[in-house]
N, C-alpha and C. Protein backbone atom coordinates (compact mmCIF):
# COMPACT_ATOMS: atom_id res chain seq x y z
N UNK A 1 0.78 -0.96 0.33
CA UNK A 1 -0.25 -0.18 -0.24
C UNK A 1 1.07 1.19 -0.17
N UNK A 2 0.42 2.57 -1.05
CA UNK A 2 0.98 3.21 -1.03
C UNK A 2 0.58 4.57 -0.14
N UNK A 3 1.38 5.14 0.65
CA UNK A 3 1.08 6.34 1.33
C UNK A 3 1.51 7.71 1.27
N UNK A 4 0.40 8.64 1.32
CA UNK A 4 0.67 10.24 0.44
C UNK A 4 2.04 10.81 1.84
N UNK A 5 2.75 11.53 1.38
CA UNK A 5 3.69 12.30 2.20
C UNK A 5 2.42 13.13 3.66
N UNK A 6 1.85 13.23 2.82
CA UNK A 6 0.77 13.85 4.06
C UNK A 6 0.39 13.32 5.22
N UNK A 7 -0.05 11.95 5.07
CA UNK A 7 -0.43 11.01 5.50
C UNK A 7 1.03 10.53 6.69
N UNK A 8 2.00 10.29 5.60
CA UNK A 8 3.31 10.14 6.80
C UNK A 8 3.63 10.87 7.81
N UNK A 9 3.45 12.56 7.32
CA UNK A 9 3.97 13.29 7.99
C UNK A 9 3.00 13.62 9.38
N UNK A 10 1.44 13.29 9.16
CA UNK A 10 0.76 13.37 10.71
C UNK A 10 1.08 11.94 11.31
N UNK A 11 1.71 11.07 10.78
CA UNK A 11 2.30 9.93 11.78
C UNK A 11 3.42 10.29 12.21
N UNK A 12 4.21 11.00 11.63
CA UNK A 12 5.23 11.54 12.55
C UNK A 12 4.96 12.34 13.32
N UNK A 13 4.11 13.38 12.88
CA UNK A 13 3.61 14.40 13.80
C UNK A 13 3.27 14.09 15.42
N UNK A 14 2.19 12.83 15.10
CA UNK A 14 1.71 12.36 16.57
C UNK A 14 2.62 11.68 16.69
N UNK A 15 3.69 11.03 16.73
CA UNK A 15 4.67 10.34 17.16
C UNK A 15 5.16 11.28 18.26
N UNK A 16 5.66 12.43 17.61
CA UNK A 16 6.59 13.65 18.24
C UNK A 16 5.86 13.97 19.26
N UNK A 17 4.55 14.58 19.23
CA UNK A 17 4.07 15.02 19.60
C UNK A 17 2.93 14.52 21.01
N UNK A 18 3.02 13.20 20.84
CA UNK A 18 2.09 11.96 21.76
C UNK A 18 3.20 11.10 22.41
N UNK A 19 2.76 10.52 23.39
CA UNK A 19 3.31 9.69 24.20
C UNK A 19 3.28 8.38 23.62
N UNK A 20 2.73 7.98 22.64
CA UNK A 20 2.56 6.57 21.98
C UNK A 20 4.06 5.99 21.80
N UNK A 21 4.04 4.62 22.00
CA UNK A 21 5.17 3.83 21.79
C UNK A 21 5.14 3.92 20.29
N UNK A 22 5.64 3.34 19.68
CA UNK A 22 6.49 2.65 18.55
C UNK A 22 5.08 1.54 18.09
N UNK A 23 4.98 0.71 18.96
CA UNK A 23 4.02 -0.28 18.43
C UNK A 23 2.13 0.18 18.70
N UNK A 24 2.18 1.04 19.81
CA UNK A 24 0.80 1.99 19.87
C UNK A 24 0.50 2.79 18.53
N UNK A 25 1.43 3.47 17.98
CA UNK A 25 1.14 4.47 16.80
C UNK A 25 1.22 3.66 15.95
N UNK A 26 1.50 2.70 15.76
CA UNK A 26 1.37 1.88 14.34
C UNK A 26 0.29 1.26 14.24
N UNK A 27 -0.24 0.59 15.85
CA UNK A 27 -1.70 -0.10 15.63
C UNK A 27 -2.81 0.80 15.74
N UNK A 28 -2.75 2.32 16.10
CA UNK A 28 -3.60 3.31 16.16
C UNK A 28 -3.71 3.68 14.15
N UNK A 29 -2.47 3.34 13.54
CA UNK A 29 -2.67 4.11 11.79
C UNK A 29 -2.62 3.05 10.93
N UNK A 30 -2.61 1.63 11.66
CA UNK A 30 -2.56 0.52 11.03
C UNK A 30 -1.67 0.41 9.60
N UNK A 31 -0.11 0.21 10.36
CA UNK A 31 1.12 0.68 9.50
C UNK A 31 2.27 -0.75 10.12
N UNK A 32 3.18 -0.70 9.72
CA UNK A 32 4.43 -1.47 9.73
C UNK A 32 5.04 -0.72 10.67
N UNK A 33 5.82 -1.78 11.66
CA UNK A 33 7.12 -0.93 12.72
C UNK A 33 8.23 -0.04 11.27
N UNK A 34 8.50 -1.42 10.50
CA UNK A 34 9.47 -1.23 9.55
C UNK A 34 9.40 0.09 9.03
N UNK A 35 8.18 0.24 8.39
CA UNK A 35 7.39 1.44 7.72
C UNK A 35 7.79 3.14 8.26
N UNK A 36 7.44 2.96 9.52
CA UNK A 36 7.25 4.18 10.78
C UNK A 36 9.07 4.54 10.59
N UNK A 37 9.66 3.34 11.45
CA UNK A 37 11.09 3.73 11.56
C UNK A 37 12.17 4.11 9.83
N UNK A 38 11.34 3.79 9.15
CA UNK A 38 12.18 4.67 7.66
C UNK A 38 11.31 5.56 7.27
N UNK A 39 10.27 6.08 7.67
CA UNK A 39 9.89 7.20 7.63
C UNK A 39 10.45 8.72 8.85
N UNK A 40 10.65 7.99 9.35
CA UNK A 40 11.41 8.83 10.63
C UNK A 40 12.96 9.19 10.13
N UNK A 41 13.91 8.00 9.65
CA UNK A 41 15.26 8.31 9.29
C UNK A 41 15.06 9.35 8.23
N UNK A 42 14.15 8.66 6.95
CA UNK A 42 14.34 9.58 5.75
C UNK A 42 13.90 10.89 6.09
N UNK A 43 12.79 11.03 7.30
CA UNK A 43 12.08 12.38 7.35
C UNK A 43 13.55 13.60 7.89
N UNK A 44 14.24 12.84 9.30
CA UNK A 44 15.45 13.42 9.82
C UNK A 44 16.60 13.81 8.67
N UNK A 45 16.36 12.82 7.98
CA UNK A 45 17.65 13.09 6.54
C UNK A 45 17.50 14.03 5.55
N UNK A 46 16.25 14.19 5.29
CA UNK A 46 15.92 15.10 3.79
C UNK A 46 14.57 15.71 4.14
N UNK A 47 13.79 15.88 5.30
CA UNK A 47 12.81 16.80 5.80
C UNK A 47 11.60 15.74 4.46
N UNK A 48 10.77 16.76 4.08
CA UNK A 48 9.35 16.26 3.48
C UNK A 48 9.77 15.46 2.60
N UNK A 49 10.76 16.22 1.10
CA UNK A 49 11.58 15.44 0.39
C UNK A 49 11.60 13.70 0.75
N UNK A 50 11.73 13.47 1.73
CA UNK A 50 12.10 12.30 1.65
C UNK A 50 10.65 11.55 2.38
N UNK A 51 9.90 11.88 2.76
CA UNK A 51 8.70 10.98 2.71
C UNK A 51 7.83 11.18 1.29
N UNK A 52 8.52 11.56 0.28
CA UNK A 52 7.65 11.53 -1.16
C UNK A 52 7.86 10.02 -1.55
N UNK A 53 6.86 9.48 -2.09
CA UNK A 53 6.71 8.22 -2.50
C UNK A 53 7.33 8.25 -3.63
N UNK A 54 8.08 7.24 -3.97
CA UNK A 54 8.67 6.85 -5.12
C UNK A 54 8.24 6.00 -6.09
N UNK A 55 8.25 6.09 -7.01
CA UNK A 55 7.85 5.56 -8.52
C UNK A 55 8.71 4.12 -8.90
N UNK A 56 8.03 3.19 -9.04
CA UNK A 56 8.95 1.56 -9.12
C UNK A 56 9.69 2.05 -10.91
N UNK A 57 9.35 2.74 -11.60
CA UNK A 57 10.12 2.78 -12.93
C UNK A 57 9.95 4.51 -13.14
N UNK A 58 10.81 5.24 -13.66
CA UNK A 58 10.70 6.96 -14.12
C UNK A 58 11.28 6.63 -15.31
N UNK A 59 11.08 7.77 -15.88
CA UNK A 59 11.32 8.02 -17.23
C UNK A 59 12.77 8.99 -16.99
N UNK A 60 13.24 9.03 -17.57
CA UNK A 60 14.54 10.44 -18.01
C UNK A 60 15.13 10.91 -18.91
N UNK A 61 15.28 12.07 -19.07
CA UNK A 61 15.82 12.75 -20.45
C UNK A 61 17.11 12.34 -20.55
N UNK A 62 18.03 12.07 -21.49
CA UNK A 62 19.27 11.82 -21.95
C UNK A 62 19.84 13.12 -21.63
N UNK A 63 19.52 14.60 -21.38
CA UNK A 63 20.06 15.65 -20.77
C UNK A 63 19.92 15.36 -19.34
N UNK A 64 19.30 15.04 -18.61
CA UNK A 64 19.40 14.71 -17.40
C UNK A 64 20.43 13.62 -17.01
N UNK A 65 20.25 12.61 -17.70
CA UNK A 65 21.41 11.39 -17.41
C UNK A 65 23.04 12.41 -17.79
N UNK A 66 23.32 13.05 -18.45
CA UNK A 66 24.37 13.50 -18.88
C UNK A 66 24.73 14.37 -17.95
N UNK A 67 24.13 15.49 -17.51
CA UNK A 67 24.33 16.08 -16.16
C UNK A 67 24.38 15.76 -15.13
N UNK A 68 23.67 14.67 -14.70
CA UNK A 68 23.80 13.88 -13.76
C UNK A 68 25.30 13.25 -13.25
N UNK A 69 25.83 12.98 -14.37
CA UNK A 69 26.85 11.66 -14.65
C UNK A 69 28.15 12.99 -14.54
N UNK A 70 27.99 14.21 -15.04
CA UNK A 70 28.96 14.88 -15.33
C UNK A 70 29.12 15.52 -14.06
N UNK A 71 27.83 15.97 -13.25
CA UNK A 71 27.74 16.58 -11.98
C UNK A 71 28.52 15.58 -11.25
N UNK A 72 28.76 14.20 -11.20
CA UNK A 72 29.12 13.11 -10.69
C UNK A 72 30.63 13.37 -10.23
N UNK A 73 31.23 13.38 -11.74
CA UNK A 73 32.43 12.85 -11.95
C UNK A 73 33.43 14.34 -11.99
N UNK A 74 32.93 15.75 -11.57
CA UNK A 74 32.96 16.87 -11.04
C UNK A 74 33.54 16.64 -9.58
N UNK A 75 33.10 15.69 -8.55
CA UNK A 75 33.18 15.51 -7.56
C UNK A 75 33.23 16.37 -6.63
N UNK A 76 31.93 17.39 -6.90
CA UNK A 76 31.19 18.64 -6.61
C UNK A 76 29.96 17.68 -5.76
N UNK A 77 29.67 16.59 -5.86
CA UNK A 77 28.44 16.13 -5.42
C UNK A 77 28.63 14.45 -5.28
N UNK A 78 27.99 14.16 -3.97
CA UNK A 78 28.33 12.50 -3.79
C UNK A 78 26.95 11.94 -4.45
N UNK A 79 26.96 10.66 -4.83
CA UNK A 79 25.90 9.85 -5.50
C UNK A 79 24.58 10.25 -5.02
N UNK A 80 24.14 10.20 -3.33
CA UNK A 80 23.13 10.40 -2.83
C UNK A 80 22.43 11.64 -2.69
N UNK A 81 23.31 12.88 -2.80
CA UNK A 81 22.82 14.21 -3.24
C UNK A 81 22.49 14.54 -4.80
N UNK A 82 23.33 13.65 -5.87
CA UNK A 82 22.41 13.46 -6.94
C UNK A 82 21.22 12.91 -6.93
N UNK A 83 21.16 11.85 -6.32
CA UNK A 83 19.73 11.11 -6.55
C UNK A 83 18.91 12.66 -6.03
N UNK A 84 18.72 12.76 -4.80
CA UNK A 84 18.03 13.88 -4.37
C UNK A 84 17.66 15.12 -5.46
N UNK A 85 18.64 15.69 -5.95
CA UNK A 85 18.88 16.73 -6.80
C UNK A 85 18.23 16.57 -8.01
N UNK A 86 18.10 15.39 -8.78
CA UNK A 86 17.56 14.80 -9.70
C UNK A 86 16.28 14.03 -9.71
N UNK A 87 15.99 13.68 -8.72
CA UNK A 87 14.80 12.63 -8.56
C UNK A 87 15.08 11.14 -9.02
N UNK A 88 16.23 10.93 -8.99
CA UNK A 88 16.44 9.99 -9.63
C UNK A 88 16.24 8.68 -8.51
N UNK A 89 15.20 7.30 -8.83
CA UNK A 89 14.88 6.38 -8.24
C UNK A 89 16.10 5.60 -7.34
N UNK A 90 17.14 5.58 -7.75
CA UNK A 90 17.83 4.71 -6.82
C UNK A 90 19.65 5.14 -7.16
N UNK A 91 20.33 4.46 -6.40
CA UNK A 91 21.94 4.55 -6.67
C UNK A 91 21.93 3.86 -7.98
N UNK A 92 22.05 2.51 -7.97
CA UNK A 92 21.85 1.51 -9.19
C UNK A 92 21.68 2.43 -10.32
N UNK A 93 20.85 2.85 -10.23
CA UNK A 93 20.52 3.59 -11.72
C UNK A 93 21.52 4.19 -12.00
N UNK A 94 21.63 5.74 -11.38
CA UNK A 94 22.67 6.41 -11.41
C UNK A 94 24.14 5.75 -11.65
N UNK A 95 24.38 4.48 -10.99
CA UNK A 95 25.79 3.68 -11.31
C UNK A 95 25.88 3.04 -12.37
N UNK A 96 24.49 3.17 -13.07
CA UNK A 96 24.69 2.53 -14.40
C UNK A 96 24.79 3.67 -15.62
N UNK A 97 24.17 4.77 -15.41
CA UNK A 97 24.47 5.96 -16.38
C UNK A 97 25.91 6.24 -16.19
N UNK A 98 26.41 6.09 -15.25
CA UNK A 98 28.12 6.48 -15.03
C UNK A 98 28.81 5.02 -15.64
N UNK A 99 28.54 4.42 -15.24
CA UNK A 99 29.10 3.37 -16.13
C UNK A 99 29.14 3.15 -17.48
N UNK A 100 27.83 3.74 -18.22
CA UNK A 100 27.78 3.66 -19.79
C UNK A 100 28.53 4.61 -20.41
N UNK A 101 28.11 6.01 -19.61
CA UNK A 101 29.17 7.14 -19.88
C UNK A 101 30.16 6.99 -20.16
N UNK A 102 31.25 6.55 -19.04
CA UNK A 102 32.42 6.05 -18.97
C UNK A 102 32.85 4.85 -19.93
N UNK A 103 31.72 3.82 -20.30
CA UNK A 103 32.26 3.14 -21.44
C UNK A 103 31.95 3.85 -23.32
N UNK A 104 32.32 5.12 -22.80
CA UNK A 104 31.39 5.97 -24.31
C UNK A 104 30.62 5.54 -24.86
N UNK A 105 29.70 4.88 -24.32
CA UNK A 105 28.28 4.63 -24.81
C UNK A 105 27.40 5.49 -24.90
N UNK A 106 26.73 5.74 -25.71
CA UNK A 106 25.55 6.67 -25.69
C UNK A 106 24.70 6.76 -24.72
N UNK A 107 24.07 7.77 -23.97
CA UNK A 107 22.86 7.97 -22.92
C UNK A 107 21.89 8.08 -23.50
N UNK A 108 21.26 7.14 -23.61
CA UNK A 108 19.74 7.56 -24.24
C UNK A 108 18.80 7.87 -23.23
N UNK A 109 17.43 9.16 -23.50
CA UNK A 109 16.40 9.28 -22.80
C UNK A 109 16.05 8.26 -22.85
N UNK A 110 14.95 8.08 -21.83
CA UNK A 110 13.68 6.49 -21.67
C UNK A 110 12.40 7.17 -22.11
N UNK A 111 12.47 8.83 -22.08
CA UNK A 111 11.13 9.74 -22.58
C UNK A 111 11.80 10.93 -23.27
N UNK A 112 10.54 11.29 -24.17
CA UNK A 112 10.50 12.28 -24.50
C UNK A 112 10.44 13.70 -23.86
N UNK A 113 9.91 13.31 -22.37
CA UNK A 113 9.17 14.45 -21.57
C UNK A 113 10.45 14.77 -20.96
N UNK A 114 10.39 16.41 -20.80
CA UNK A 114 11.62 16.61 -19.54
C UNK A 114 10.73 16.00 -18.46
N UNK A 115 11.79 15.82 -17.77
CA UNK A 115 10.84 15.20 -15.79
C UNK A 115 11.01 17.15 -15.17
N UNK A 116 9.94 16.53 -14.08
CA UNK A 116 9.80 17.82 -13.58
C UNK A 116 11.01 18.23 -12.72
N UNK A 117 12.01 17.39 -12.67
CA UNK A 117 12.97 17.47 -12.00
C UNK A 117 14.25 18.06 -12.19
N UNK A 118 13.94 18.49 -14.04
CA UNK A 118 14.93 19.43 -14.95
C UNK A 118 14.43 20.49 -15.39
N UNK A 119 12.77 21.25 -14.69
CA UNK A 119 12.63 22.19 -15.24
C UNK A 119 13.80 23.27 -15.46
N UNK A 120 13.60 23.99 -16.47
CA UNK A 120 14.24 24.93 -16.94
C UNK A 120 14.60 25.97 -15.66
N UNK A 121 15.88 26.56 -15.47
CA UNK A 121 15.97 27.58 -14.43
C UNK A 121 16.05 29.01 -14.99
N UNK A 122 15.75 30.10 -14.03
CA UNK A 122 16.10 31.02 -14.72
C UNK A 122 16.66 32.18 -13.89
N UNK A 123 16.75 33.34 -14.40
CA UNK A 123 17.46 34.41 -13.50
C UNK A 123 16.94 34.76 -12.16
N UNK A 124 17.12 35.05 -11.25
CA UNK A 124 16.95 35.57 -10.12
C UNK A 124 17.08 36.64 -9.51
N UNK A 125 16.71 37.30 -8.86
CA UNK A 125 17.54 38.24 -7.50
C UNK A 125 17.75 37.51 -6.06
N UNK A 126 18.66 38.36 -5.70
CA UNK A 126 19.20 38.21 -4.31
C UNK A 126 17.99 37.65 -3.28
N UNK A 127 17.14 38.68 -3.58
CA UNK A 127 15.81 38.58 -2.67
C UNK A 127 15.37 37.61 -3.08
N UNK A 128 14.82 37.09 -4.02
CA UNK A 128 14.14 36.10 -4.27
C UNK A 128 14.21 34.52 -4.09
N UNK A 129 16.30 34.66 -4.20
CA UNK A 129 16.90 33.14 -4.02
C UNK A 129 16.66 33.09 -1.95
N UNK A 130 16.62 34.45 -1.60
CA UNK A 130 16.77 34.28 -0.01
C UNK A 130 15.17 33.56 0.36
N UNK A 131 13.97 34.22 -0.45
CA UNK A 131 12.90 34.07 0.09
C UNK A 131 12.51 32.56 -0.30
N UNK A 132 13.16 31.83 -1.03
CA UNK A 132 12.88 30.70 -1.82
C UNK A 132 13.35 29.57 -1.10
N UNK A 133 14.77 30.00 -0.25
CA UNK A 133 15.49 28.90 0.54
C UNK A 133 14.23 28.88 2.08
N UNK A 134 13.97 30.09 2.10
CA UNK A 134 13.27 29.88 3.76
C UNK A 134 11.92 29.50 3.53
N UNK A 135 11.34 29.67 2.42
CA UNK A 135 9.74 28.83 2.01
C UNK A 135 10.29 27.39 2.45
N UNK A 136 11.56 26.84 1.23
CA UNK A 136 11.97 25.53 1.29
C UNK A 136 11.79 25.56 2.73
N UNK A 137 12.65 26.17 3.65
CA UNK A 137 13.13 25.70 4.91
C UNK A 137 11.93 25.17 5.59
N UNK A 138 10.69 26.41 5.45
CA UNK A 138 10.00 25.87 6.46
C UNK A 138 8.93 24.97 5.90
N UNK A 139 8.78 24.90 4.49
CA UNK A 139 8.01 23.68 4.22
C UNK A 139 8.75 22.06 3.89
N UNK A 140 9.61 22.62 5.14
CA UNK A 140 10.39 20.90 5.25
C UNK A 140 11.79 20.11 4.34
N UNK A 141 11.97 21.27 3.83
CA UNK A 141 12.96 21.36 2.31
C UNK A 141 11.84 20.78 1.04
N UNK A 142 10.94 20.77 1.01
CA UNK A 142 10.50 19.87 -0.60
C UNK A 142 10.79 20.98 -1.44
N UNK A 143 11.95 20.36 -1.85
CA UNK A 143 12.47 21.37 -3.10
C UNK A 143 11.60 21.05 -4.50
N UNK A 144 10.81 19.90 -4.49
CA UNK A 144 10.11 19.93 -5.57
C UNK A 144 8.90 21.04 -5.73
N UNK A 145 8.48 20.92 -4.84
CA UNK A 145 7.31 21.89 -4.66
C UNK A 145 7.46 23.27 -4.52
N UNK A 146 8.49 23.62 -4.43
CA UNK A 146 9.09 25.00 -3.93
C UNK A 146 9.79 25.43 -5.37
N UNK A 147 10.37 24.47 -6.10
CA UNK A 147 10.78 24.31 -7.75
C UNK A 147 9.72 24.88 -8.57
N UNK A 148 8.10 24.24 -8.34
CA UNK A 148 7.08 24.52 -9.35
C UNK A 148 6.50 25.48 -8.51
N UNK A 149 6.42 26.00 -7.12
CA UNK A 149 5.70 26.94 -6.94
C UNK A 149 6.39 28.40 -8.15
N UNK A 150 7.91 28.24 -7.56
CA UNK A 150 8.62 29.49 -7.85
C UNK A 150 8.75 29.79 -9.49
N UNK A 151 8.49 28.37 -9.81
CA UNK A 151 9.26 28.25 -11.42
C UNK A 151 10.02 28.33 -11.21
N UNK A 152 11.32 27.62 -10.90
CA UNK A 152 12.59 27.26 -11.20
C UNK A 152 13.15 26.11 -10.75
N UNK A 153 14.34 25.57 -11.26
CA UNK A 153 14.62 24.26 -11.41
C UNK A 153 14.92 23.46 -9.90
N UNK A 154 14.55 22.59 -9.83
CA UNK A 154 15.09 21.24 -8.64
C UNK A 154 16.40 21.80 -7.95
N UNK A 155 16.95 21.86 -8.89
CA UNK A 155 18.46 22.10 -8.78
C UNK A 155 18.87 23.04 -8.33
N UNK A 156 18.25 24.49 -8.50
CA UNK A 156 18.72 25.80 -8.29
C UNK A 156 18.18 25.56 -6.95
N UNK A 157 17.29 25.14 -6.50
CA UNK A 157 16.51 25.19 -5.23
C UNK A 157 17.35 24.72 -4.09
N UNK A 158 18.00 23.25 -4.82
CA UNK A 158 18.55 22.28 -3.68
C UNK A 158 19.98 22.97 -3.83
N UNK A 159 20.45 23.41 -4.52
CA UNK A 159 22.00 24.32 -4.16
C UNK A 159 21.73 25.47 -3.41
N UNK A 160 20.60 26.29 -3.59
CA UNK A 160 20.66 27.40 -2.74
C UNK A 160 20.28 27.45 -1.11
N UNK A 161 19.40 25.91 -1.30
CA UNK A 161 19.68 25.76 0.32
C UNK A 161 20.58 25.48 0.71
N UNK A 162 21.69 24.37 -0.05
CA UNK A 162 22.83 24.12 0.74
C UNK A 162 23.64 24.66 0.93
N UNK A 163 24.08 26.03 0.35
CA UNK A 163 24.81 27.17 0.20
C UNK A 163 24.44 28.26 1.57
N UNK A 164 22.85 28.04 1.93
CA UNK A 164 22.93 29.24 2.50
C UNK A 164 23.11 28.49 4.02
N UNK A 165 22.64 26.96 4.56
CA UNK A 165 23.22 26.41 5.37
C UNK A 165 24.39 26.34 5.42
N UNK A 166 25.07 26.35 4.72
CA UNK A 166 26.44 26.43 5.09
C UNK A 166 27.06 28.26 5.31
N UNK A 167 26.46 29.03 4.60
CA UNK A 167 27.18 29.92 4.75
C UNK A 167 26.17 31.33 4.73
N UNK A 168 25.03 30.95 5.06
CA UNK A 168 23.84 32.19 5.31
C UNK A 168 23.82 32.88 3.87
N UNK A 169 22.78 33.50 4.23
CA UNK A 169 22.12 34.86 3.01
C UNK A 169 23.14 35.51 2.15
N UNK A 170 24.62 35.31 2.73
CA UNK A 170 25.48 36.22 1.79
C UNK A 170 25.84 35.69 0.64
N UNK A 171 25.85 33.94 0.94
CA UNK A 171 26.28 33.03 0.01
C UNK A 171 25.37 32.59 -1.32
N UNK A 172 23.98 33.65 -1.32
CA UNK A 172 22.93 33.61 -2.29
C UNK A 172 23.44 34.68 -3.09
N UNK A 173 24.51 35.60 -2.90
CA UNK A 173 24.75 36.83 -3.71
C UNK A 173 25.49 36.56 -4.99
N UNK A 174 25.31 37.06 -5.79
CA UNK A 174 25.53 36.45 -7.51
C UNK A 174 26.94 37.20 -7.18
N UNK A 175 28.02 36.71 -7.12
CA UNK A 175 29.30 37.21 -7.16
C UNK A 175 30.05 37.81 -8.38
N UNK A 176 29.29 36.99 -9.28
CA UNK A 176 30.25 37.15 -10.70
C UNK A 176 30.52 38.15 -11.15
N UNK A 177 31.70 38.51 -11.34
CA UNK A 177 32.04 39.93 -12.04
C UNK A 177 32.54 39.58 -13.16
N UNK A 178 32.95 40.87 -14.33
CA UNK A 178 33.57 40.57 -15.02
C UNK A 178 34.90 40.25 -15.06
N UNK A 179 35.18 39.10 -15.94
CA UNK A 179 36.61 38.41 -15.82
C UNK A 179 37.51 38.72 -17.10
N UNK A 180 38.58 38.70 -16.95
CA UNK A 180 39.89 39.12 -18.12
C UNK A 180 39.76 38.16 -19.18
N UNK A 181 39.52 38.87 -20.02
CA UNK A 181 39.79 37.79 -21.48
C UNK A 181 41.36 37.03 -21.57
N UNK A 182 41.47 35.92 -21.90
CA UNK A 182 42.59 35.34 -22.01
C UNK A 182 43.51 36.77 -22.56
N UNK A 183 43.61 37.12 -23.64
CA UNK A 183 44.42 38.14 -24.12
C UNK A 183 44.48 39.39 -23.17
N UNK A 184 44.10 39.31 -22.13
CA UNK A 184 44.07 40.19 -21.53
C UNK A 184 45.06 39.97 -20.02
N UNK A 185 45.46 39.00 -20.07
CA UNK A 185 46.01 38.51 -18.61
C UNK A 185 47.29 38.49 -19.39
N UNK A 186 48.37 38.49 -18.29
CA UNK A 186 49.47 38.94 -18.21
C UNK A 186 50.43 37.32 -18.32
N UNK A 187 51.39 37.33 -18.66
CA UNK A 187 51.97 36.23 -18.25
C UNK A 187 51.59 34.85 -17.64
N UNK A 188 52.00 35.84 -15.92
CA UNK A 188 51.58 34.94 -14.77
C UNK A 188 50.18 34.70 -14.58
N UNK A 189 49.62 35.47 -15.17
CA UNK A 189 48.50 34.85 -14.97
C UNK A 189 47.50 33.97 -16.35
N UNK A 190 48.14 34.10 -17.08
CA UNK A 190 47.90 33.12 -18.00
C UNK A 190 48.35 31.55 -17.55
N UNK A 191 49.49 31.54 -17.03
CA UNK A 191 50.19 30.22 -16.75
C UNK A 191 49.39 29.71 -15.38
N UNK A 192 48.68 30.62 -14.63
CA UNK A 192 48.15 30.27 -13.50
C UNK A 192 46.61 29.79 -14.04
N UNK A 193 46.34 29.88 -15.04
CA UNK A 193 45.18 29.94 -15.42
C UNK A 193 44.91 28.46 -16.13
N UNK A 194 46.15 28.23 -16.62
CA UNK A 194 46.27 27.24 -17.24
C UNK A 194 46.71 26.16 -16.45
N UNK A 195 47.34 26.49 -15.02
CA UNK A 195 47.63 25.07 -14.45
C UNK A 195 46.17 24.79 -13.69
N UNK A 196 45.32 26.14 -13.31
CA UNK A 196 44.10 25.55 -12.62
C UNK A 196 43.27 24.41 -13.73
N UNK A 197 43.50 24.72 -14.98
CA UNK A 197 42.78 24.00 -15.79
C UNK A 197 43.43 22.90 -15.78
N UNK A 198 44.50 22.29 -15.93
CA UNK A 198 45.10 21.22 -16.12
C UNK A 198 44.88 20.41 -14.58
N UNK A 199 44.77 20.93 -13.61
CA UNK A 199 44.54 20.63 -12.24
C UNK A 199 42.87 20.15 -12.00
N UNK A 200 41.98 20.55 -13.01
CA UNK A 200 40.72 20.33 -12.90
C UNK A 200 40.41 19.01 -14.01
N UNK A 201 41.30 19.38 -14.92
CA UNK A 201 41.16 17.81 -15.81
C UNK A 201 42.16 16.52 -14.65
N UNK A 202 43.01 16.90 -14.04
CA UNK A 202 43.70 15.97 -13.61
C UNK A 202 42.38 14.97 -12.49
N UNK A 203 41.94 16.06 -12.02
CA UNK A 203 40.93 15.79 -11.00
C UNK A 203 39.79 15.03 -11.37
N UNK A 204 39.15 15.46 -12.64
CA UNK A 204 38.41 14.29 -13.46
C UNK A 204 38.89 13.20 -13.81
N UNK A 205 39.93 12.96 -14.16
CA UNK A 205 40.43 11.33 -14.66
C UNK A 205 40.75 10.78 -13.62
N UNK A 206 40.76 11.26 -12.25
CA UNK A 206 41.38 10.48 -11.30
C UNK A 206 39.90 9.97 -11.18
N UNK A 207 38.75 10.92 -10.54
CA UNK A 207 37.24 10.34 -10.40
C UNK A 207 36.98 9.48 -11.36
N UNK A 208 36.99 9.77 -12.47
CA UNK A 208 36.63 8.52 -13.35
C UNK A 208 37.70 7.14 -13.42
N UNK A 209 38.99 7.50 -13.30
CA UNK A 209 39.67 6.43 -12.86
C UNK A 209 39.09 5.64 -11.89
N UNK A 210 39.05 6.29 -10.77
CA UNK A 210 38.82 5.86 -9.61
C UNK A 210 37.44 4.85 -9.12
N UNK A 211 36.42 5.13 -9.94
CA UNK A 211 35.04 4.91 -10.26
C UNK A 211 35.41 3.37 -10.90
N UNK A 212 36.09 3.36 -12.23
CA UNK A 212 36.23 2.13 -12.95
C UNK A 212 36.69 1.26 -12.28
N UNK A 213 37.84 1.75 -11.47
CA UNK A 213 38.26 0.49 -10.67
C UNK A 213 37.26 -0.22 -9.74
N UNK A 214 36.68 0.95 -8.95
CA UNK A 214 35.53 0.27 -7.85
C UNK A 214 34.27 -0.38 -8.81
N UNK A 215 34.26 -0.33 -9.94
CA UNK A 215 33.11 -0.80 -11.07
C UNK A 215 33.81 -2.71 -11.16
N UNK A 216 34.88 -2.45 -11.56
CA UNK A 216 35.50 -3.52 -12.23
C UNK A 216 35.85 -4.92 -10.96
N UNK A 217 35.82 -3.99 -9.42
CA UNK A 217 36.03 -4.65 -8.01
C UNK A 217 34.93 -5.27 -7.78
N UNK A 218 33.80 -4.71 -8.12
CA UNK A 218 32.73 -4.97 -7.75
C UNK A 218 32.02 -6.22 -8.73
N UNK A 219 31.99 -5.67 -9.57
CA UNK A 219 32.21 -6.97 -11.31
C UNK A 219 32.94 -8.44 -10.56
N UNK A 220 34.24 -8.26 -10.28
CA UNK A 220 35.14 -9.01 -10.12
C UNK A 220 34.29 -10.10 -8.96
N UNK A 221 33.69 -9.43 -7.95
CA UNK A 221 32.85 -10.18 -6.97
C UNK A 221 31.56 -11.18 -7.05
N UNK A 222 31.43 -10.31 -8.17
CA UNK A 222 29.93 -10.71 -8.33
C UNK A 222 29.93 -11.97 -9.52
N UNK A 223 31.24 -12.59 -9.95
CA UNK A 223 31.44 -13.30 -10.97
C UNK A 223 31.63 -14.84 -9.95
């Protein structure tokens, strides 16, 4: 039986605000104790988003797959973060995309429709970003609902909340300024820029190689 996130939240609120034991609460709402424990764990980690029911099968665009894989290989996000960010059903699904990408095979979309998690982002002001973050926090980090309400992407909301929690609202300001063109750089600045590019490329290659080794080890164990 599937339960709505509203029902799950009601159960958790009752558990928190009453003196019911886990057994008594499960009998009252006619749910399994394992389900309640899972809801508590997911709510503590992910807020309201963790209570959203997951579909056994989901469709994904080619665009979403490529972006998710490249974000992982960049080293900026963990697999769990990307699963939440893009609404991916499981780690095994993401791992299969990574394996396909690293094997230089084409990632193909399973649907012509864009998923709600990949709604196109838009430009926002600092005030808007701040309000979006505050609303998201007040709504139990329901990233998808907030993204739809403000017509921004799931990824934007997720990243803004992360920045806010780490460094406050100052982190939400657009600090991008005009950067020098390469032909305006001094020899020393040009050399430093090239070194940074090489460092980023080396980091990407290390991440790819490390992941391939892990996959090979897993495949050896399964044989």
